[in-house]
Structure formats: C-alpha cells, structure tokens
Protein backbone atom coordinates (compact mmCIF):
# COMPACT_ATOMS: atom_id res chain seq x y z
CA MET A 1 0.31 0.14 -0.11
CA LYS A 2 2.92 2.34 0.65
CA LYS A 3 4.49 1.50 -2.55
CA ILE A 4 1.62 2.36 -4.08
CA LEU A 5 0.77 5.78 -2.60
CA SER A 6 4.51 7.10 -2.90
CA VAL A 7 4.17 6.10 -6.96
CA PHE A 8 0.99 8.52 -7.26
CA LEU A 9 2.44 10.63 -4.90
CA VAL A 10 5.34 10.94 -7.42
CA LEU A 11 3.23 10.85 -10.48
CA ALA A 12 1.01 13.59 -8.96
CA ALA A 13 3.78 15.85 -8.23
CA LEU A 14 5.28 15.19 -12.30
CA SER A 15 1.25 15.86 -13.81
CA PHE A 16 1.91 19.54 -11.90
CA LEU A 17 5.14 20.24 -12.97
CA TYR A 18 4.01 19.03 -16.46
CA VAL A 19 0.91 21.07 -16.45
CA GLU A 20 3.16 24.05 -14.56
CA LYS A 21 5.42 23.97 -17.74
CA GLY A 22 2.53 23.50 -20.46
CA ILE A 23 1.30 26.90 -18.86
CA ALA A 24 4.70 28.27 -18.67
CA GLU A 25 5.15 27.11 -22.24
CA ASP A 26 1.90 28.77 -23.52
CA SER A 27 2.68 32.22 -21.55
CA MET A 28 5.99 32.71 -23.09
CA GLU A 29 4.48 31.71 -26.79
CA LYS A 30 1.81 34.76 -26.25
CA ALA A 31 5.05 37.01 -24.76
CA LYS A 32 6.84 36.31 -27.94
CA ALA A 33 3.35 36.96 -30.33
CA LEU A 34 2.18 40.00 -28.26
CA TRP A 35 5.89 41.72 -28.69
CA ASP A 36 5.86 40.97 -31.89
CA MET A 37 2.86 42.44 -32.71
CA MET A 38 3.76 45.59 -29.92
CA GLN A 39 6.62 46.13 -33.14
CA SER A 40 5.39 45.14 -35.94
CA ASP A 41 2.42 48.00 -35.10
CA LYS A 42 4.75 50.23 -34.28
CA TYR A 43 2.84 50.99 -31.09
CA GLN A 44 5.18 54.28 -29.98
CA GLU A 45 4.26 56.32 -33.24
CA THR A 46 0.34 54.92 -33.98
CA TRP A 47 -1.12 54.40 -30.57
CA ALA A 48 -2.13 56.94 -28.09
CA LEU A 49 -0.88 57.79 -25.01
CA TYR A 50 -2.75 57.04 -21.46
CA PRO A 51 -6.20 60.03 -21.70
CA GLY A 52 -4.80 62.41 -19.93
CA LYS A 53 -1.10 61.89 -18.77
CA GLY A 54 1.66 62.66 -21.42
CA LYS A 55 5.39 61.74 -21.54
CA PHE A 56 7.89 61.10 -18.42
CA TYR A 57 4.94 61.17 -15.82
CA LYS A 58 5.69 60.21 -12.57
CA GLY A 59 5.10 57.12 -11.41
CA GLN A 60 5.60 54.21 -8.02
CA GLU A 61 7.08 51.60 -7.62
CA PRO A 62 7.26 48.44 -9.08
CA HIS A 63 7.37 49.91 -12.10
CA GLY A 64 9.61 52.93 -13.20
CA MET A 65 10.20 56.49 -11.32
CA LEU A 66 9.16 57.76 -14.82
CA LEU A 67 6.22 56.64 -17.06
CA THR A 68 5.40 56.45 -20.48
CA THR A 69 1.76 55.04 -21.21
CA TYR A 70 0.28 53.65 -24.89
CA VAL A 71 -3.29 52.56 -25.21
CA ASN A 72 -4.23 50.60 -28.33
CA THR A 73 -8.01 52.03 -29.63
CA ALA A 74 -9.86 49.25 -27.87
CA ALA A 75 -8.72 50.65 -24.76
CA ASP A 76 -8.22 54.51 -25.39
CA GLU A 77 -12.00 54.12 -26.12
CA GLY A 78 -13.13 52.08 -23.40
CA LEU A 79 -11.03 54.74 -21.30
CA LYS A 80 -12.83 58.02 -22.40
CA SER A 81 -16.34 56.33 -22.79
CA GLY A 82 -15.59 56.19 -19.06
CA ALA A 83 -16.53 52.47 -18.62
CA LYS A 84 -15.93 50.72 -15.49
CA GLU A 85 -13.98 47.72 -17.07
CA LEU A 86 -11.89 48.00 -20.43
CA PRO A 87 -13.59 45.71 -23.41
CA LYS A 88 -11.60 42.52 -24.73
CA GLY A 89 -8.87 43.51 -26.78
CA SER A 90 -7.73 45.95 -24.86
CA ILE A 91 -4.08 46.42 -23.98
CA LEU A 92 -1.87 48.67 -21.95
CA ILE A 93 1.70 48.83 -22.57
CA LYS A 94 3.81 51.17 -19.66
CA GLU A 95 7.39 52.11 -20.43
CA ASN A 96 8.95 52.13 -17.12
CA TYR A 97 11.98 54.65 -16.92
CA LYS A 98 14.88 55.28 -14.33
CA PRO A 99 14.85 58.78 -12.93
CA ASP A 100 17.41 59.50 -15.67
CA LYS A 101 15.15 58.45 -18.46
CA THR A 102 16.90 55.05 -19.52
CA LEU A 103 14.31 52.51 -20.33
CA ALA A 104 14.43 50.25 -17.69
CA ALA A 105 11.67 48.00 -18.61
CA ILE A 106 7.98 47.52 -20.51
CA THR A 107 5.06 46.34 -18.71
CA VAL A 108 2.14 44.98 -20.91
CA MET A 109 -1.39 44.23 -20.09
CA ASP A 110 -3.24 42.31 -22.44
CA LYS A 111 -7.34 41.91 -22.15
CA THR A 112 -8.13 38.80 -23.35
CA GLY A 113 -11.65 38.02 -22.26
CA ASP A 114 -14.96 39.91 -20.72
CA GLY A 115 -13.66 39.03 -17.29
CA LYS A 116 -12.62 41.76 -14.70
CA ASP A 117 -9.78 39.28 -14.15
CA ASP A 118 -9.10 38.01 -17.54
CA TRP A 119 -5.82 40.09 -18.09
CA PHE A 120 -2.73 38.36 -19.43
CA TRP A 121 0.52 40.03 -18.08
CA VAL A 122 3.88 40.33 -19.03
CA LYS A 123 7.10 42.53 -18.28
CA TYR A 124 10.00 42.80 -20.69
CA THR A 125 13.26 43.88 -20.74
CA PRO A 126 14.37 47.11 -22.72
CA ASP A 127 15.75 44.20 -25.57
CA GLY A 128 11.85 42.25 -25.52
CA SER A 129 12.95 39.58 -23.44
CA VAL A 130 10.82 38.68 -21.06
CA ALA A 131 12.14 39.84 -17.57
CA LYS A 132 12.37 36.89 -15.01
CA LYS A 133 12.15 37.35 -11.00
CA GLY A 134 14.75 34.86 -9.47
CA GLU A 135 13.68 31.55 -12.04
CA MET A 136 9.81 33.06 -12.60
CA SER A 137 8.93 34.32 -15.75
CA LEU A 138 6.89 37.51 -15.65
CA ALA A 139 4.46 36.28 -17.77
CA GLY A 140 0.80 35.28 -17.83
CA LYS A 141 -0.63 35.73 -14.31
CA PRO A 142 1.77 36.86 -12.34
CA GLY A 143 0.74 37.29 -8.67
CA GLY A 144 2.40 40.53 -7.60
CA CYS A 145 1.01 41.76 -10.76
CA ILE A 146 -2.12 40.65 -10.09
CA GLY A 147 -2.22 41.46 -6.41
CA CYS A 148 -1.27 44.86 -6.62
CA HIS A 149 -3.69 45.63 -9.25
CA ALA A 150 -6.69 44.21 -7.42
CA ALA A 151 -6.21 45.74 -4.10
CA SER A 152 -6.80 48.97 -5.43
CA THR A 153 -10.27 50.11 -4.96
CA SER A 154 -10.42 53.60 -6.68
CA GLY A 155 -11.99 52.61 -10.18
CA ILE A 156 -10.86 51.51 -13.26
CA HIS A 157 -7.80 54.43 -13.93
CA ASN A 158 -6.15 51.83 -11.09
CA ILE A 159 -7.62 48.59 -11.20
CA MET A 160 -6.65 47.82 -14.58
CA THR A 161 -3.66 50.37 -14.83
CA GLY A 162 -2.52 51.14 -12.09
CA LEU A 163 -2.18 54.81 -12.46
CA PRO A 164 -4.22 57.57 -10.72
CA GLU A 165 -7.08 58.55 -11.43
C-alpha cells in the first residue's frame, strides 16, 4: 500500500510540473507574439498616450520612477467612454524609466476576455526578453501584478492600469 501511495504521489507531482510547464510555455509563446505585434504596430508612433498623461509622468514602485503609457484603440475608447471595465482586446503598454530617462522595463496588460480578471500580463526587458523574478518568468498571471492591481478600490484607472485617477 505504501509503495502504491508513493508512486501515486510521485506521479501527481510530475503531472503538476508538466501542467505548470505547459502553462509557462503557453505564456512565453503569447508573450513573444505580443512583443512581435507591438513592434509591427510601431506602438510608440501609432498608439495613443494614456488619456490625460504625457510622456515621462511620475511613477511609483514596482514600475519606474518615470512612466509613459500607450493604449491601443480598444483601451483608448474604453477609457474615454468612462467604462467600468475595459473591453476585450484592450492593451496597455507601460514603459518604465529610471530617473535619468533610461528605459528599465516594459510592462504590458492585454485584456484577453470579457471578465474582470481576464488579463495577460508580461514584463519585458528593454530588448524584448521576458523578465524574470528568480527562476519565474513574468508572463501570464504573475501574482505580484495581479495582487497589486486588484487591491485597488479606486476605479478602472487604478484597477486596470495602476494609474491614479
């Protein structure tokens, strides 16, 4: 009986790792496709700046000390209409800068569904590689991103973007 239980526990652990690996691989593929789309769209030239914000506005941790946030058409229309939730297809790109205006990271939120929690999150290094925290790639649904943004109770601007209203 102990042998069967031991084999079961090992198989369960391996299947958990396999599922986690599959999720991580899917997130990395999505992150690469998202980066490629951002580059082909030339988002810095063609997307709107976050309504009411210019370039290099004051940021806060965990993002840069200076930020520039770009929004695609779906996000821009949702924000300007006063929607309580942004529509599926909304993408927000936040460039995170150091105080000397050196780009430190690019964080992206991609609304993949109609629900409040249907966001794909990714943090890129300036060269487009997915950033890591320890061994964990920061793509998919990183706990730090979700925890901070979901903790806000001050409306769509903070919940969805981490920006003050």
